[in-house]
């Protein structure tokens, strides 16, 4: 049960990269460049998640 919830969180990130950031087919060549692009894309995904998580949680006074 817990592993299915964690899997969903991980799959959401990869799905986001394929749909929003168009990582389904990369436009660069070479393993090093693809790795850099992937890390940059996942960092952008983490920032969007942090933004949405900050809006949900009430701020402590």
PDB file of N, CA and C in Angstrom:
ATOM      1  N   UNK A   1       0.824  -1.193   0.000  1.00  0.00           N
ATOM      2  CA  UNK A   1       0.000   0.000   0.000  1.00  0.00           C
ATOM      3  C   UNK A   1       0.873   1.264   0.000  1.00  0.00           C
ATOM      4  N   UNK A   2       1.820   1.309   0.913  1.00  0.00           N
ATOM      5  CA  UNK A   2       2.706   2.469   0.981  1.00  0.00           C
ATOM      6  C   UNK A   2       3.579   2.570  -0.266  1.00  0.00           C
ATOM      7  N   UNK A   3       4.053   1.414  -0.746  1.00  0.00           N
ATOM      8  CA  UNK A   3       4.906   1.439  -1.934  1.00  0.00           C
ATOM      9  C   UNK A   3       4.128   1.926  -3.160  1.00  0.00           C
ATOM     10  N   UNK A   4       2.843   1.661  -3.223  1.00  0.00           N
ATOM     11  CA  UNK A   4       2.032   2.137  -4.347  1.00  0.00           C
ATOM     12  C   UNK A   4       1.877   3.648  -4.305  1.00  0.00           C
ATOM     13  N   UNK A   5       1.773   4.219  -3.107  1.00  0.00           N
ATOM     14  CA  UNK A   5       1.681   5.676  -2.981  1.00  0.00           C
ATOM     15  C   UNK A   5       2.989   6.334  -3.393  1.00  0.00           C
ATOM     16  N   UNK A   6       4.096   5.740  -2.974  1.00  0.00           N
ATOM     17  CA  UNK A   6       5.405   6.286  -3.337  1.00  0.00           C
ATOM     18  C   UNK A   6       5.647   6.145  -4.841  1.00  0.00           C
ATOM     19  N   UNK A   7       5.220   5.031  -5.408  1.00  0.00           N
ATOM     20  CA  UNK A   7       5.371   4.820  -6.846  1.00  0.00           C
ATOM     21  C   UNK A   7       4.600   5.878  -7.620  1.00  0.00           C
ATOM     22  N   UNK A   8       3.408   6.226  -7.144  1.00  0.00           N
ATOM     23  CA  UNK A   8       2.599   7.246  -7.810  1.00  0.00           C
ATOM     24  C   UNK A   8       3.331   8.590  -7.809  1.00  0.00           C
ATOM     25  N   UNK A   9       3.963   8.936  -6.690  1.00  0.00           N
ATOM     26  CA  UNK A   9       4.710  10.191  -6.624  1.00  0.00           C
ATOM     27  C   UNK A   9       5.868  10.205  -7.617  1.00  0.00           C
ATOM     28  N   UNK A  10       6.559   9.097  -7.721  1.00  0.00           N
ATOM     29  CA  UNK A  10       7.691   9.016  -8.642  1.00  0.00           C
ATOM     30  C   UNK A  10       7.211   9.062 -10.087  1.00  0.00           C
ATOM     31  N   UNK A  11       6.159   8.316 -10.389  1.00  0.00           N
ATOM     32  CA  UNK A  11       5.629   8.285 -11.755  1.00  0.00           C
ATOM     33  C   UNK A  11       5.085   9.638 -12.186  1.00  0.00           C
ATOM     34  N   UNK A  12       4.558  10.425 -11.243  1.00  0.00           N
ATOM     35  CA  UNK A  12       4.063  11.762 -11.584  1.00  0.00           C
ATOM     36  C   UNK A  12       5.187  12.634 -12.120  1.00  0.00           C
ATOM     37  N   UNK A  13       6.357  12.529 -11.505  1.00  0.00           N
ATOM     38  CA  UNK A  13       7.499  13.321 -11.965  1.00  0.00           C
ATOM     39  C   UNK A  13       7.918  12.964 -13.374  1.00  0.00           C
ATOM     40  N   UNK A  14       7.998  11.668 -13.660  1.00  0.00           N
ATOM     41  CA  UNK A  14       8.386  11.247 -15.002  1.00  0.00           C
ATOM     42  C   UNK A  14       7.309  11.595 -16.025  1.00  0.00           C
ATOM     43  N   UNK A  15       6.050  11.473 -15.630  1.00  0.00           N
ATOM     44  CA  UNK A  15       4.961  11.858 -16.532  1.00  0.00           C
ATOM     45  C   UNK A  15       5.003  13.342 -16.841  1.00  0.00           C
ATOM     46  N   UNK A  16       5.306  14.157 -15.825  1.00  0.00           N
ATOM     47  CA  UNK A  16       5.392  15.601 -16.020  1.00  0.00           C
ATOM     48  C   UNK A  16       6.503  15.941 -17.004  1.00  0.00           C
ATOM     49  N   UNK A  17       7.638  15.250 -16.880  1.00  0.00           N
ATOM     50  CA  UNK A  17       8.746  15.545 -17.788  1.00  0.00           C
ATOM     51  C   UNK A  17       8.399  15.177 -19.221  1.00  0.00           C
ATOM     52  N   UNK A  18       7.625  14.113 -19.400  1.00  0.00           N
ATOM     53  CA  UNK A  18       7.263  13.691 -20.758  1.00  0.00           C
ATOM     54  C   UNK A  18       6.244  14.626 -21.387  1.00  0.00           C
ATOM     55  N   UNK A  19       5.268  15.082 -20.603  1.00  0.00           N
ATOM     56  CA  UNK A  19       4.180  15.888 -21.160  1.00  0.00           C
ATOM     57  C   UNK A  19       4.539  17.372 -21.195  1.00  0.00           C
ATOM     58  N   UNK A  20       4.916  17.930 -20.054  1.00  0.00           N
ATOM     59  CA  UNK A  20       5.114  19.371 -19.952  1.00  0.00           C
ATOM     60  C   UNK A  20       6.453  19.796 -20.535  1.00  0.00           C
ATOM     61  N   UNK A  21       7.520  19.097 -20.189  1.00  0.00           N
ATOM     62  CA  UNK A  21       8.855  19.489 -20.625  1.00  0.00           C
ATOM     63  C   UNK A  21       9.310  18.795 -21.897  1.00  0.00           C
ATOM     64  N   UNK A  22       8.462  17.979 -22.482  1.00  0.00           N
ATOM     65  CA  UNK A  22       8.735  17.306 -23.755  1.00  0.00           C
ATOM     66  C   UNK A  22      10.040  16.500 -23.733  1.00  0.00           C
ATOM     67  N   UNK A  23      10.205  15.718 -22.691  1.00  0.00           N
ATOM     68  CA  UNK A  23      11.402  14.876 -22.582  1.00  0.00           C
ATOM     69  C   UNK A  23      11.172  13.500 -23.200  1.00  0.00           C
ATOM     70  N   UNK A  24      10.044  13.317 -23.846  1.00  0.00           N
ATOM     71  CA  UNK A  24       9.781  12.025 -24.482  1.00  0.00           C
ATOM     72  C   UNK A  24      10.831  11.742 -25.551  1.00  0.00           C
ATOM     73  N   UNK A  25      11.210  12.786 -26.276  1.00  0.00           N
ATOM     74  CA  UNK A  25      12.263  12.671 -27.276  1.00  0.00           C
ATOM     75  C   UNK A  25      13.158  13.897 -27.113  1.00  0.00           C
ATOM     76  N   UNK A  26      14.367  13.698 -26.645  1.00  0.00           N
ATOM     77  CA  UNK A  26      15.251  14.818 -26.336  1.00  0.00           C
ATOM     78  C   UNK A  26      15.839  15.411 -27.614  1.00  0.00           C
ATOM     79  N   UNK A  27      16.192  16.668 -27.522  1.00  0.00           N
ATOM     80  CA  UNK A  27      16.703  17.381 -28.684  1.00  0.00           C
ATOM     81  C   UNK A  27      18.225  17.563 -28.633  1.00  0.00           C
ATOM     82  N   UNK A  28      18.872  16.934 -27.662  1.00  0.00           N
ATOM     83  CA  UNK A  28      20.332  17.015 -27.553  1.00  0.00           C
ATOM     84  C   UNK A  28      20.921  15.634 -27.776  1.00  0.00           C
ATOM     85  N   UNK A  29      22.209  15.606 -28.057  1.00  0.00           N
ATOM     86  CA  UNK A  29      22.902  14.336 -28.275  1.00  0.00           C
ATOM     87  C   UNK A  29      23.979  14.156 -27.231  1.00  0.00           C
ATOM     88  N   UNK A  30      24.195  12.924 -26.891  1.00  0.00           N
ATOM     89  CA  UNK A  30      25.248  12.599 -25.940  1.00  0.00           C
ATOM     90  C   UNK A  30      24.689  12.363 -24.552  1.00  0.00           C
ATOM     91  N   UNK A  31      25.252  11.389 -23.882  1.00  0.00           N
ATOM     92  CA  UNK A  31      24.778  11.008 -22.562  1.00  0.00           C
ATOM     93  C   UNK A  31      24.947  12.141 -21.556  1.00  0.00           C
ATOM     94  N   UNK A  32      26.041  12.861 -21.635  1.00  0.00           N
ATOM     95  CA  UNK A  32      26.304  13.945 -20.691  1.00  0.00           C
ATOM     96  C   UNK A  32      25.276  15.066 -20.843  1.00  0.00           C
ATOM     97  N   UNK A  33      24.963  15.433 -22.071  1.00  0.00           N
ATOM     98  CA  UNK A  33      23.988  16.509 -22.298  1.00  0.00           C
ATOM     99  C   UNK A  33      22.580  16.084 -21.915  1.00  0.00           C
ATOM    100  N   UNK A  34      22.232  14.845 -22.207  1.00  0.00           N
ATOM    101  CA  UNK A  34      20.910  14.346 -21.815  1.00  0.00           C
ATOM    102  C   UNK A  34      20.804  14.307 -20.296  1.00  0.00           C
ATOM    103  N   UNK A  35      21.893  13.918 -19.622  1.00  0.00           N
ATOM    104  CA  UNK A  35      21.895  13.892 -18.162  1.00  0.00           C
ATOM    105  C   UNK A  35      21.702  15.295 -17.602  1.00  0.00           C
ATOM    106  N   UNK A  36      22.394  16.275 -18.154  1.00  0.00           N
ATOM    107  CA  UNK A  36      22.233  17.658 -17.695  1.00  0.00           C
ATOM    108  C   UNK A  36      20.799  18.135 -17.913  1.00  0.00           C
ATOM    109  N   UNK A  37      20.237  17.826 -19.051  1.00  0.00           N
ATOM    110  CA  UNK A  37      18.863  18.236 -19.360  1.00  0.00           C
ATOM    111  C   UNK A  37      17.878  17.574 -18.402  1.00  0.00           C
ATOM    112  N   UNK A  38      18.093  16.301 -18.100  1.00  0.00           N
ATOM    113  CA  UNK A  38      17.206  15.589 -17.195  1.00  0.00           C
ATOM    114  C   UNK A  38      17.272  16.169 -15.783  1.00  0.00           C
ATOM    115  N   UNK A  39      18.481  16.452 -15.308  1.00  0.00           N
ATOM    116  CA  UNK A  39      18.632  17.026 -13.968  1.00  0.00           C
ATOM    117  C   UNK A  39      17.975  18.397 -13.899  1.00  0.00           C
ATOM    118  N   UNK A  40      18.163  19.211 -14.911  1.00  0.00           N
ATOM    119  CA  UNK A  40      17.538  20.531 -14.952  1.00  0.00           C
ATOM    120  C   UNK A  40      16.015  20.419 -14.977  1.00  0.00           C
ATOM    121  N   UNK A  41      15.500  19.485 -15.745  1.00  0.00           N
ATOM    122  CA  UNK A  41      14.062  19.296 -15.835  1.00  0.00           C
ATOM    123  C   UNK A  41      13.474  18.821 -14.513  1.00  0.00           C
ATOM    124  N   UNK A  42      14.145  17.883 -13.844  1.00  0.00           N
ATOM    125  CA  UNK A  42      13.644  17.400 -12.566  1.00  0.00           C
ATOM    126  C   UNK A  42      13.754  18.475 -11.485  1.00  0.00           C
ATOM    127  N   UNK A  43      14.744  19.346 -11.571  1.00  0.00           N
ATOM    128  CA  UNK A  43      14.839  20.467 -10.631  1.00  0.00           C
ATOM    129  C   UNK A  43      13.655  21.416 -10.833  1.00  0.00           C
ATOM    130  N   UNK A  44      13.285  21.656 -12.084  1.00  0.00           N
ATOM    131  CA  UNK A  44      12.125  22.491 -12.362  1.00  0.00           C
ATOM    132  C   UNK A  44      10.847  21.838 -11.819  1.00  0.00           C
ATOM    133  N   UNK A  45      10.747  20.528 -11.952  1.00  0.00           N
ATOM    134  CA  UNK A  45       9.583  19.822 -11.410  1.00  0.00           C
ATOM    135  C   UNK A  45       9.533  19.960  -9.890  1.00  0.00           C
ATOM    136  N   UNK A  46      10.677  19.827  -9.233  1.00  0.00           N
ATOM    137  CA  UNK A  46      10.714  19.971  -7.778  1.00  0.00           C
ATOM    138  C   UNK A  46      10.310  21.374  -7.350  1.00  0.00           C
ATOM    139  N   UNK A  47      10.721  22.384  -8.104  1.00  0.00           N
ATOM    140  CA  UNK A  47      10.328  23.758  -7.775  1.00  0.00           C
ATOM    141  C   UNK A  47       8.826  23.955  -7.922  1.00  0.00           C
ATOM    142  N   UNK A  48       8.226  23.385  -8.959  1.00  0.00           N
ATOM    143  CA  UNK A  48       6.778  23.518  -9.122  1.00  0.00           C
ATOM    144  C   UNK A  48       6.035  22.780  -8.019  1.00  0.00           C
ATOM    145  N   UNK A  49       6.564  21.624  -7.606  1.00  0.00           N
ATOM    146  CA  UNK A  49       5.948  20.898  -6.492  1.00  0.00           C
ATOM    147  C   UNK A  49       6.065  21.682  -5.199  1.00  0.00           C
ATOM    148  N   UNK A  50       7.219  22.284  -4.963  1.00  0.00           N
ATOM    149  CA  UNK A  50       7.409  23.066  -3.740  1.00  0.00           C
ATOM    150  C   UNK A  50       6.458  24.251  -3.708  1.00  0.00           C
ATOM    151  N   UNK A  51       6.240  24.868  -4.847  1.00  0.00           N
ATOM    152  CA  UNK A  51       5.328  26.000  -4.913  1.00  0.00           C
ATOM    153  C   UNK A  51       3.917  25.572  -4.567  1.00  0.00           C
ATOM    154  N   UNK A  52       3.480  24.458  -5.134  1.00  0.00           N
ATOM    155  CA  UNK A  52       2.113  24.011  -4.871  1.00  0.00           C
ATOM    156  C   UNK A  52       1.963  23.479  -3.446  1.00  0.00           C
ATOM    157  N   UNK A  53       2.997  22.858  -2.899  1.00  0.00           N
ATOM    158  CA  UNK A  53       2.926  22.388  -1.516  1.00  0.00           C
ATOM    159  C   UNK A  53       2.890  23.551  -0.540  1.00  0.00           C
ATOM    160  N   UNK A  54       3.565  24.636  -0.858  1.00  0.00           N
ATOM    161  CA  UNK A  54       3.557  25.818   0.000  1.00  0.00           C
ATOM    162  C   UNK A  54       2.204  26.484   0.049  1.00  0.00           C
ATOM    163  N   UNK A  55       1.431  26.374  -0.996  1.00  0.00           N
ATOM    164  CA  UNK A  55       0.102  26.976  -1.016  1.00  0.00           C
ATOM    165  C   UNK A  55      -0.899  26.156  -0.227  1.00  0.00           C
ATOM    166  N   UNK A  56      -0.673  24.868  -0.105  1.00  0.00           N
ATOM    167  CA  UNK A  56      -1.607  23.997   0.590  1.00  0.00           C
ATOM    168  C   UNK A  56      -1.433  24.122   2.105  1.00  0.00           C
ATOM    169  N   UNK A  57      -0.212  24.137   2.577  1.00  0.00           N
ATOM    170  CA  UNK A  57       0.051  24.155   3.998  1.00  0.00           C
ATOM    171  C   UNK A  57      -0.168  25.549   4.570  1.00  0.00           C
ATOM    172  N   UNK A  58      -0.829  25.619   5.724  1.00  0.00           N
ATOM    173  CA  UNK A  58      -0.995  26.942   6.354  1.00  0.00           C
ATOM    174  C   UNK A  58       0.335  27.422   6.923  1.00  0.00           C
ATOM    175  N   UNK A  59       0.554  28.718   6.843  1.00  0.00           N
ATOM    176  CA  UNK A  59       1.803  29.286   7.339  1.00  0.00           C
ATOM    177  C   UNK A  59       1.728  29.429   8.849  1.00  0.00           C
ATOM    178  N   UNK A  60       2.822  29.073   9.511  1.00  0.00           N
ATOM    179  CA  UNK A  60       2.894  29.196  10.964  1.00  0.00           C
ATOM    180  C   UNK A  60       3.159  30.657  11.332  1.00  0.00           C
ATOM    181  N   UNK A  61       2.489  31.126  12.351  1.00  0.00           N
ATOM    182  CA  UNK A  61       2.637  32.531  12.758  1.00  0.00           C
ATOM    183  C   UNK A  61       3.807  32.749  13.667  1.00  0.00           C
TER     184      UNK A  61
END
